[in-house]
Amino acid sequence: MCGLAGYATTDNNELINASHWLSCTTTWQHHRGPDSSNIYESESVGLSHNRLSIIDLSDKGNQPIAIGDWVMVFNGEIYNFKALMKSRSLSKLKTNSDSEVLVELIDQFGFEVTSELEGMFAFAVYNAETQVLTLGRDRFGEKPLFYANVSNGFFFGSNPIGVSKMAKVPIEISNERLAHYLKYQYLPEGTSVFTSVVQVPPGTLIHVDKKLEVSTQEVKNRSVAMTQDFRTIFTESVRDCMVSDVPIGLALSGGVDSTVTL
């Protein structure tokens, strides 16, 4: 559980405000990542990251991570990153982290490669050459990623309150969305309980260009051969989730669906 935040703006007056609040996000999100915190800023884009070290505990795994024209902040875990390293022939990596693998994959193969990712994640990656900021979220939306697209810029983060302060919009609860949640126990994709801050929909990439024009891209589902039996698929899934450089714990609810992981 790491924390990320950032902004993109073309308003020079807004840069000072956005930069100030971006530095504050590392304090607000300290509970999400107490191991390190760092910030990247260019003329129009800023990224911040709080790290909870799970894979590659060295300082080399700290973020934002920069490779070539790319700078990325990442929250979560890509379970099959080692398999992707092998299948895509990635070598000469500087760390043992899954986040570096993701940047290298995007750099070499484009965003279409995100369809091959298995895991729970939210990330923001900026290309300094094209000046395009991209946000991405896993297919089930396990990791939070909120944003506010307003006239003075595009603001995002793991914490909706932090996003509202950077964007200078009120953090008000939508009675309609709250009623929907209380009735159905979920919120429609791409929304939140707040009026001015929404979430990146699961399985979606959001691209923000240098003019702050926004476009979306669907992350295609990874195909799985239907001939595989459930036991094989389930065993592989549990095995992949156990990749870690820190001790692993298992919480059980007591039902058959959870105790079978033992």
C-alpha atoms as a PDB file:
ATOM      1  CA  MET A   1       0.000   0.000   0.000  1.00  0.00           C
ATOM      2  CA  CYS A   2       1.844   3.035  -1.315  1.00  0.00           C
ATOM      3  CA  GLY A   3       0.459   6.515  -1.919  1.00  0.00           C
ATOM      4  CA  LEU A   4       0.744   8.638  -5.031  1.00  0.00           C
ATOM      5  CA  ALA A   5      -0.403  12.078  -6.138  1.00  0.00           C
ATOM      6  CA  GLY A   6       0.223  14.578  -8.880  1.00  0.00           C
ATOM      7  CA  TYR A   7      -0.973  17.265 -11.222  1.00  0.00           C
ATOM      8  CA  ALA A   8      -0.773  18.605 -14.777  1.00  0.00           C
ATOM      9  CA  THR A   9      -1.452  22.275 -15.475  1.00  0.00           C
ATOM     10  CA  THR A  10      -0.742  24.928 -18.081  1.00  0.00           C
ATOM     11  CA  ASP A  11      -1.578  27.794 -15.724  1.00  0.00           C
ATOM     12  CA  ASN A  12       1.640  29.395 -14.453  1.00  0.00           C
ATOM     13  CA  ASN A  13      -0.194  30.927 -11.510  1.00  0.00           C
ATOM     14  CA  GLU A  14      -1.580  27.525 -10.593  1.00  0.00           C
ATOM     15  CA  LEU A  15       1.881  25.911 -10.549  1.00  0.00           C
ATOM     16  CA  ILE A  16       2.802  27.545  -7.249  1.00  0.00           C
ATOM     17  CA  ASN A  17      -0.395  26.343  -5.573  1.00  0.00           C
ATOM     18  CA  ALA A  18      -0.152  22.856  -7.063  1.00  0.00           C
ATOM     19  CA  SER A  19       3.516  22.493  -6.119  1.00  0.00           C
ATOM     20  CA  HIS A  20       2.773  23.534  -2.532  1.00  0.00           C
ATOM     21  CA  TRP A  21      -0.054  21.055  -2.090  1.00  0.00           C
ATOM     22  CA  LEU A  22       1.924  18.314  -3.829  1.00  0.00           C
ATOM     23  CA  SER A  23       4.626  18.617  -1.182  1.00  0.00           C
ATOM     24  CA  CYS A  24       1.903  18.345   1.469  1.00  0.00           C
ATOM     25  CA  THR A  25       0.620  15.056   0.027  1.00  0.00           C
ATOM     26  CA  THR A  26       3.731  13.210   1.193  1.00  0.00           C
ATOM     27  CA  THR A  27       2.710  14.109   4.755  1.00  0.00           C
ATOM     28  CA  TRP A  28      -0.986  13.298   4.298  1.00  0.00           C
ATOM     29  CA  GLN A  29      -0.161   9.930   2.776  1.00  0.00           C
ATOM     30  CA  HIS A  30       2.651   8.970   5.136  1.00  0.00           C
ATOM     31  CA  HIS A  31       0.479   6.193   6.571  1.00  0.00           C
ATOM     32  CA  ARG A  32       0.264   4.660   3.087  1.00  0.00           C
ATOM     33  CA  GLY A  33       4.032   4.544   2.656  1.00  0.00           C
ATOM     34  CA  PRO A  34       6.325   5.295   5.617  1.00  0.00           C
ATOM     35  CA  ASP A  35       9.549   3.921   4.100  1.00  0.00           C
ATOM     36  CA  SER A  36      10.368   6.812   1.745  1.00  0.00           C
ATOM     37  CA  SER A  37       8.794   9.808   0.040  1.00  0.00           C
ATOM     38  CA  ASN A  38       9.936  11.762  -3.011  1.00  0.00           C
ATOM     39  CA  ILE A  39       8.687  14.285  -5.560  1.00  0.00           C
ATOM     40  CA  TYR A  40       9.261  14.898  -9.270  1.00  0.00           C
ATOM     41  CA  GLU A  41       8.332  18.194 -10.908  1.00  0.00           C
ATOM     42  CA  SER A  42       8.718  19.560 -14.432  1.00  0.00           C
ATOM     43  CA  GLU A  43       7.448  22.823 -15.897  1.00  0.00           C
ATOM     44  CA  SER A  44       3.847  21.614 -15.969  1.00  0.00           C
ATOM     45  CA  VAL A  45       3.642  18.227 -14.231  1.00  0.00           C
ATOM     46  CA  GLY A  46       4.292  17.033 -10.693  1.00  0.00           C
ATOM     47  CA  LEU A  47       4.356  13.544  -9.161  1.00  0.00           C
ATOM     48  CA  SER A  48       4.745  12.485  -5.522  1.00  0.00           C
ATOM     49  CA  HIS A  49       5.132   9.056  -3.961  1.00  0.00           C
ATOM     50  CA  ASN A  50       5.064   7.476  -0.503  1.00  0.00           C
ATOM     51  CA  ARG A  51       6.571   4.004  -0.489  1.00  0.00           C
ATOM     52  CA  LEU A  52       5.737   0.917   1.499  1.00  0.00           C
ATOM     53  CA  SER A  53       8.581  -1.443   0.585  1.00  0.00           C
ATOM     54  CA  ILE A  54       7.422  -4.942  -0.437  1.00  0.00           C
ATOM     55  CA  ILE A  55       9.620  -5.883  -3.394  1.00  0.00           C
ATOM     56  CA  ASP A  56      13.299  -4.812  -3.582  1.00  0.00           C
ATOM     57  CA  LEU A  57      13.700  -3.234  -0.162  1.00  0.00           C
ATOM     58  CA  SER A  58      16.762  -1.208  -1.212  1.00  0.00           C
ATOM     59  CA  ASP A  59      16.726   2.520  -1.925  1.00  0.00           C
ATOM     60  CA  LYS A  60      16.977   1.676  -5.635  1.00  0.00           C
ATOM     61  CA  GLY A  61      13.296   0.783  -5.504  1.00  0.00           C
ATOM     62  CA  ASN A  62      12.259   4.241  -4.306  1.00  0.00           C
ATOM     63  CA  GLN A  63       9.972   6.321  -6.514  1.00  0.00           C
ATOM     64  CA  PRO A  64       9.310   8.317  -8.628  1.00  0.00           C
ATOM     65  CA  ILE A  65      11.292   6.038 -10.926  1.00  0.00           C
ATOM     66  CA  ALA A  66      12.816   7.575 -14.057  1.00  0.00           C
ATOM     67  CA  ILE A  67      13.845   5.638 -17.172  1.00  0.00           C
ATOM     68  CA  GLY A  68      14.637   7.530 -20.368  1.00  0.00           C
ATOM     69  CA  ASP A  69      11.818  10.001 -21.039  1.00  0.00           C
ATOM     70  CA  TRP A  70       9.515   8.259 -18.548  1.00  0.00           C
ATOM     71  CA  VAL A  71       8.833   9.065 -14.896  1.00  0.00           C
ATOM     72  CA  MET A  72       6.410   6.894 -12.923  1.00  0.00           C
ATOM     73  CA  VAL A  73       4.791   6.533  -9.510  1.00  0.00           C
ATOM     74  CA  PHE A  74       3.222   3.175  -8.744  1.00  0.00           C
ATOM     75  CA  ASN A  75       1.058   1.646  -6.029  1.00  0.00           C
ATOM     76  CA  GLY A  76       0.401  -2.072  -5.781  1.00  0.00           C
ATOM     77  CA  GLU A  77       2.043  -5.197  -7.106  1.00  0.00           C
ATOM     78  CA  ILE A  78       2.388  -6.899 -10.486  1.00  0.00           C
ATOM     79  CA  TYR A  79       2.358 -10.595  -9.681  1.00  0.00           C
ATOM     80  CA  ASN A  80       3.704 -11.801 -13.024  1.00  0.00           C
ATOM     81  CA  PHE A  81       6.490  -9.257 -13.461  1.00  0.00           C
ATOM     82  CA  LYS A  82       9.206 -11.912 -13.461  1.00  0.00           C
ATOM     83  CA  ALA A  83       7.395 -13.898 -16.147  1.00  0.00           C
ATOM     84  CA  LEU A  84       7.041 -10.720 -18.220  1.00  0.00           C
ATOM     85  CA  MET A  85      10.750 -10.004 -17.818  1.00  0.00           C
ATOM     86  CA  LYS A  86      11.474 -13.408 -19.318  1.00  0.00           C
ATOM     87  CA  SER A  87       8.862 -13.413 -22.087  1.00  0.00           C
ATOM     88  CA  ARG A  88       9.733  -9.870 -23.179  1.00  0.00           C
ATOM     89  CA  SER A  89      13.496 -10.415 -22.827  1.00  0.00           C
ATOM     90  CA  LEU A  90      14.071  -7.526 -20.428  1.00  0.00           C
ATOM     91  CA  SER A  91      17.632  -7.329 -19.150  1.00  0.00           C
ATOM     92  CA  LYS A  92      20.098  -4.909 -17.572  1.00  0.00           C
ATOM     93  CA  LEU A  93      17.522  -3.672 -15.067  1.00  0.00           C
ATOM     94  CA  LYS A  94      18.842  -1.563 -12.227  1.00  0.00           C
ATOM     95  CA  THR A  95      16.452  -2.889  -9.565  1.00  0.00           C
ATOM     96  CA  ASN A  96      14.523  -6.029  -8.684  1.00  0.00           C
ATOM     97  CA  SER A  97      11.228  -4.139  -8.509  1.00  0.00           C
ATOM     98  CA  ASP A  98       8.061  -4.713 -10.494  1.00  0.00           C
ATOM     99  CA  SER A  99       7.667  -0.971 -10.993  1.00  0.00           C
ATOM    100  CA  GLU A 100      10.849  -0.758 -13.069  1.00  0.00           C
ATOM    101  CA  VAL A 101       9.646  -3.679 -15.172  1.00  0.00           C
ATOM    102  CA  LEU A 102       6.392  -1.820 -15.881  1.00  0.00           C
ATOM    103  CA  VAL A 103       8.195   1.327 -17.049  1.00  0.00           C
ATOM    104  CA  GLU A 104      10.481  -0.716 -19.298  1.00  0.00           C
ATOM    105  CA  LEU A 105       7.501  -2.579 -20.769  1.00  0.00           C
ATOM    106  CA  ILE A 106       5.653   0.650 -21.550  1.00  0.00           C
ATOM    107  CA  ASP A 107       8.800   2.216 -23.004  1.00  0.00           C
ATOM    108  CA  GLN A 108       9.513  -0.701 -25.319  1.00  0.00           C
ATOM    109  CA  PHE A 109       6.043  -2.029 -26.179  1.00  0.00           C
ATOM    110  CA  GLY A 110       3.561   0.766 -25.484  1.00  0.00           C
ATOM    111  CA  PHE A 111       0.496   0.825 -23.255  1.00  0.00           C
ATOM    112  CA  GLU A 112      -1.046  -2.176 -24.981  1.00  0.00           C
ATOM    113  CA  VAL A 113       1.276  -4.287 -22.815  1.00  0.00           C
ATOM    114  CA  THR A 114      -0.870  -3.427 -19.784  1.00  0.00           C
ATOM    115  CA  SER A 115      -3.304  -6.110 -20.949  1.00  0.00           C
ATOM    116  CA  GLU A 116      -0.682  -8.680 -19.906  1.00  0.00           C
ATOM    117  CA  LEU A 117      -0.395  -7.430 -16.329  1.00  0.00           C
ATOM    118  CA  GLU A 118      -1.653  -9.592 -13.486  1.00  0.00           C
ATOM    119  CA  GLY A 119      -1.967  -7.811 -10.190  1.00  0.00           C
ATOM    120  CA  MET A 120      -3.504  -5.003  -8.184  1.00  0.00           C
ATOM    121  CA  PHE A 121      -2.203  -1.560  -9.026  1.00  0.00           C
ATOM    122  CA  ALA A 122      -2.657   2.118  -9.735  1.00  0.00           C
ATOM    123  CA  PHE A 123      -0.001   4.182 -11.450  1.00  0.00           C
ATOM    124  CA  ALA A 124       0.775   7.504 -13.085  1.00  0.00           C
ATOM    125  CA  VAL A 125       3.479   7.765 -15.729  1.00  0.00           C
ATOM    126  CA  TYR A 126       4.682  10.896 -17.516  1.00  0.00           C
ATOM    127  CA  ASN A 127       6.570  11.096 -20.790  1.00  0.00           C
ATOM    128  CA  ALA A 128       8.746  14.212 -20.803  1.00  0.00           C
ATOM    129  CA  GLU A 129       9.169  14.138 -24.592  1.00  0.00           C
ATOM    130  CA  THR A 130       5.505  13.872 -25.585  1.00  0.00           C
ATOM    131  CA  GLN A 131       4.373  15.671 -22.403  1.00  0.00           C
ATOM    132  CA  VAL A 132       1.581  13.173 -21.923  1.00  0.00           C
ATOM    133  CA  LEU A 133       0.533  12.053 -18.446  1.00  0.00           C
ATOM    134  CA  THR A 134      -1.141   8.641 -18.173  1.00  0.00           C
ATOM    135  CA  LEU A 135      -3.051   7.151 -15.241  1.00  0.00           C
ATOM    136  CA  GLY A 136      -3.826   3.443 -15.038  1.00  0.00           C
ATOM    137  CA  ARG A 137      -5.775   1.152 -12.739  1.00  0.00           C
ATOM    138  CA  ASP A 138      -6.131  -2.623 -12.462  1.00  0.00           C
ATOM    139  CA  ARG A 139      -9.178  -4.428 -13.854  1.00  0.00           C
ATOM    140  CA  PHE A 140     -10.903  -4.881 -10.493  1.00  0.00           C
ATOM    141  CA  GLY A 141     -10.092  -1.424  -9.141  1.00  0.00           C
ATOM    142  CA  GLU A 142      -8.391  -2.794  -6.047  1.00  0.00           C
ATOM    143  CA  LYS A 143      -6.081   0.200  -5.663  1.00  0.00           C
ATOM    144  CA  PRO A 144      -7.633   3.670  -5.283  1.00  0.00           C
ATOM    145  CA  LEU A 145      -6.940   6.424  -7.818  1.00  0.00           C
ATOM    146  CA  PHE A 146      -9.023   9.611  -7.676  1.00  0.00           C
ATOM    147  CA  TYR A 147      -8.882  12.635  -9.942  1.00  0.00           C
ATOM    148  CA  ALA A 148     -10.414  16.045 -10.568  1.00  0.00           C
ATOM    149  CA  ASN A 149     -10.402  17.498 -14.074  1.00  0.00           C
ATOM    150  CA  VAL A 150     -11.037  21.223 -13.652  1.00  0.00           C
ATOM    151  CA  SER A 151     -10.403  24.401 -15.633  1.00  0.00           C
ATOM    152  CA  ASN A 152      -7.030  25.136 -14.025  1.00  0.00           C
ATOM    153  CA  GLY A 153      -5.581  21.644 -14.357  1.00  0.00           C
ATOM    154  CA  PHE A 154      -5.798  17.896 -13.888  1.00  0.00           C
ATOM    155  CA  PHE A 155      -5.170  16.624 -10.342  1.00  0.00           C
ATOM    156  CA  PHE A 156      -5.010  13.074  -9.020  1.00  0.00           C
ATOM    157  CA  GLY A 157      -3.992  10.922  -6.076  1.00  0.00           C
ATOM    158  CA  SER A 158      -4.696   7.985  -3.788  1.00  0.00           C
ATOM    159  CA  ASN A 159      -6.482  10.295  -1.344  1.00  0.00           C
ATOM    160  CA  PRO A 160      -9.617  12.162  -2.511  1.00  0.00           C
ATOM    161  CA  ILE A 161      -9.193  14.890   0.096  1.00  0.00           C
ATOM    162  CA  GLY A 162      -5.663  15.569  -1.131  1.00  0.00           C
ATOM    163  CA  VAL A 163      -6.956  15.770  -4.702  1.00  0.00           C
ATOM    164  CA  SER A 164      -9.649  18.268  -3.712  1.00  0.00           C
ATOM    165  CA  LYS A 165      -7.108  20.526  -2.001  1.00  0.00           C
ATOM    166  CA  MET A 166      -4.728  20.505  -4.965  1.00  0.00           C
ATOM    167  CA  ALA A 167      -7.612  21.215  -7.355  1.00  0.00           C
ATOM    168  CA  LYS A 168      -9.143  23.793  -4.986  1.00  0.00           C
ATOM    169  CA  VAL A 169     -12.575  22.187  -5.176  1.00  0.00           C
ATOM    170  CA  PRO A 170     -14.862  21.454  -2.193  1.00  0.00           C
ATOM    171  CA  ILE A 171     -14.899  17.909  -0.865  1.00  0.00           C
ATOM    172  CA  GLU A 172     -18.655  17.477  -0.719  1.00  0.00           C
ATOM    173  CA  ILE A 173     -20.601  14.231  -0.557  1.00  0.00           C
ATOM    174  CA  SER A 174     -23.152  13.543  -3.274  1.00  0.00           C
ATOM    175  CA  ASN A 175     -26.422  12.545  -1.643  1.00  0.00           C
ATOM    176  CA  GLU A 176     -27.463  10.725  -4.812  1.00  0.00           C
ATOM    177  CA  ARG A 177     -24.291   8.620  -4.959  1.00  0.00           C
ATOM    178  CA  LEU A 178     -24.377   7.981  -1.224  1.00  0.00           C
ATOM    179  CA  ALA A 179     -27.963   6.733  -1.510  1.00  0.00           C
ATOM    180  CA  HIS A 180     -26.911   4.517  -4.422  1.00  0.00           C
ATOM    181  CA  TYR A 181     -24.105   3.036  -2.338  1.00  0.00           C
ATOM    182  CA  LEU A 182     -26.312   2.414   0.693  1.00  0.00           C
ATOM    183  CA  LYS A 183     -28.929   0.730  -1.479  1.00  0.00           C
ATOM    184  CA  TYR A 184     -26.704  -1.377  -3.748  1.00  0.00           C
ATOM    185  CA  GLN A 185     -23.457  -1.568  -1.708  1.00  0.00           C
ATOM    186  CA  TYR A 186     -21.356  -0.297  -4.607  1.00  0.00           C
ATOM    187  CA  LEU A 187     -20.798   2.800  -6.737  1.00  0.00           C
ATOM    188  CA  PRO A 188     -20.954   2.903 -10.544  1.00  0.00           C
ATOM    189  CA  GLU A 189     -17.570   2.671 -12.250  1.00  0.00           C
ATOM    190  CA  GLY A 190     -15.711   5.943 -12.658  1.00  0.00           C
ATOM    191  CA  THR A 191     -17.564   7.733  -9.862  1.00  0.00           C
ATOM    192  CA  SER A 192     -17.053   8.294  -6.161  1.00  0.00           C
ATOM    193  CA  VAL A 193     -19.183   9.375  -3.247  1.00  0.00           C
ATOM    194  CA  PHE A 194     -17.919  12.939  -3.773  1.00  0.00           C
ATOM    195  CA  THR A 195     -19.334  15.551  -6.146  1.00  0.00           C
ATOM    196  CA  SER A 196     -16.127  16.966  -7.616  1.00  0.00           C
ATOM    197  CA  VAL A 197     -13.635  14.099  -7.284  1.00  0.00           C
ATOM    198  CA  VAL A 198     -14.128  10.822  -9.156  1.00  0.00           C
ATOM    199  CA  GLN A 199     -12.178   7.590  -9.611  1.00  0.00           C
ATOM    200  CA  VAL A 200     -10.335   6.191 -12.582  1.00  0.00           C
ATOM    201  CA  PRO A 201     -12.585   3.308 -13.718  1.00  0.00           C
ATOM    202  CA  PRO A 202     -11.149  -0.189 -13.235  1.00  0.00           C
ATOM    203  CA  GLY A 203      -9.245  -1.490 -16.240  1.00  0.00           C
ATOM    204  CA  THR A 204      -8.838   1.978 -17.724  1.00  0.00           C
ATOM    205  CA  LEU A 205      -5.998   4.230 -18.849  1.00  0.00           C
ATOM    206  CA  ILE A 206      -6.531   7.995 -18.821  1.00  0.00           C
ATOM    207  CA  HIS A 207      -4.203  10.039 -21.040  1.00  0.00           C
ATOM    208  CA  VAL A 208      -3.758  13.785 -20.414  1.00  0.00           C
ATOM    209  CA  ASP A 209      -1.846  15.642 -23.140  1.00  0.00           C
ATOM    210  CA  LYS A 210       0.084  18.912 -22.868  1.00  0.00           C
ATOM    211  CA  LYS A 211      -3.090  20.882 -23.666  1.00  0.00           C
ATOM    212  CA  LEU A 212      -4.866  19.056 -20.810  1.00  0.00           C
ATOM    213  CA  GLU A 213      -7.133  17.250 -23.259  1.00  0.00           C
ATOM    214  CA  VAL A 214      -8.221  13.922 -21.783  1.00  0.00           C
ATOM    215  CA  SER A 215      -8.756  10.601 -23.551  1.00  0.00           C
ATOM    216  CA  THR A 216      -9.385   7.090 -22.233  1.00  0.00           C
ATOM    217  CA  GLN A 217      -8.169   3.658 -23.245  1.00  0.00           C
ATOM    218  CA  GLU A 218      -9.521   0.307 -22.123  1.00  0.00           C
ATOM    219  CA  VAL A 219      -7.122  -2.279 -20.729  1.00  0.00           C
ATOM    220  CA  LYS A 220      -8.026  -5.460 -22.555  1.00  0.00           C
ATOM    221  CA  ASN A 221      -8.548  -8.625 -20.566  1.00  0.00           C
ATOM    222  CA  ARG A 222      -5.793 -11.184 -20.645  1.00  0.00           C
ATOM    223  CA  SER A 223      -6.937 -14.333 -22.408  1.00  0.00           C
ATOM    224  CA  VAL A 224      -6.825 -17.608 -20.478  1.00  0.00           C
ATOM    225  CA  ALA A 225      -7.188 -20.972 -22.161  1.00  0.00           C
ATOM    226  CA  MET A 226     -10.532 -22.449 -21.159  1.00  0.00           C
ATOM    227  CA  THR A 227      -8.993 -25.912 -21.298  1.00  0.00           C
ATOM    228  CA  GLN A 228      -7.068 -25.220 -18.114  1.00  0.00           C
ATOM    229  CA  ASP A 229      -8.700 -26.705 -15.051  1.00  0.00           C
ATOM    230  CA  PHE A 230      -9.616 -24.576 -12.051  1.00  0.00           C
ATOM    231  CA  ARG A 231      -7.037 -26.156  -9.738  1.00  0.00           C
ATOM    232  CA  THR A 232      -4.179 -25.245 -12.084  1.00  0.00           C
ATOM    233  CA  ILE A 233      -5.330 -21.662 -12.554  1.00  0.00           C
ATOM    234  CA  PHE A 234      -6.039 -21.183  -8.845  1.00  0.00           C
ATOM    235  CA  THR A 235      -2.695 -22.664  -7.756  1.00  0.00           C
ATOM    236  CA  GLU A 236      -0.804 -20.444 -10.171  1.00  0.00           C
ATOM    237  CA  SER A 237      -2.717 -17.381  -8.961  1.00  0.00           C
ATOM    238  CA  VAL A 238      -1.957 -18.035  -5.269  1.00  0.00           C
ATOM    239  CA  ARG A 239       1.689 -18.754  -6.068  1.00  0.00           C
ATOM    240  CA  ASP A 240       2.069 -15.493  -7.992  1.00  0.00           C
ATOM    241  CA  CYS A 241       0.523 -13.510  -5.120  1.00  0.00           C
ATOM    242  CA  MET A 242       3.212 -14.791  -2.747  1.00  0.00           C
ATOM    243  CA  VAL A 243       6.100 -12.988  -4.454  1.00  0.00           C
ATOM    244  CA  SER A 244       7.527 -10.713  -1.759  1.00  0.00           C
ATOM    245  CA  ASP A 245      10.761  -9.626  -0.087  1.00  0.00           C
ATOM    246  CA  VAL A 246       9.048  -9.317   3.298  1.00  0.00           C
ATOM    247  CA  PRO A 247       7.185 -11.909   5.428  1.00  0.00           C
ATOM    248  CA  ILE A 248       3.753 -12.922   4.101  1.00  0.00           C
ATOM    249  CA  GLY A 249       0.593 -13.232   6.168  1.00  0.00           C
ATOM    250  CA  LEU A 250      -2.696 -14.913   5.287  1.00  0.00           C
ATOM    251  CA  ALA A 251      -6.040 -13.728   6.651  1.00  0.00           C
ATOM    252  CA  LEU A 252      -8.888 -16.239   6.502  1.00  0.00           C
ATOM    253  CA  SER A 253     -12.616 -15.599   6.806  1.00  0.00           C
ATOM    254  CA  GLY A 254     -13.352 -19.224   7.655  1.00  0.00           C
ATOM    255  CA  GLY A 255     -15.251 -20.055   4.482  1.00  0.00           C
ATOM    256  CA  VAL A 256     -14.375 -22.681   1.894  1.00  0.00           C
ATOM    257  CA  ASP A 257     -13.390 -20.035  -0.653  1.00  0.00           C
ATOM    258  CA  SER A 258     -10.637 -18.654   1.590  1.00  0.00           C
ATOM    259  CA  THR A 259      -9.404 -21.746   3.440  1.00  0.00           C
ATOM    260  CA  VAL A 260      -8.758 -23.478   0.114  1.00  0.00           C
ATOM    261  CA  THR A 261      -5.754 -21.133  -0.278  1.00  0.00           C
ATOM    262  CA  LEU A 262      -4.022 -23.142   2.451  1.00  0.00           C
END
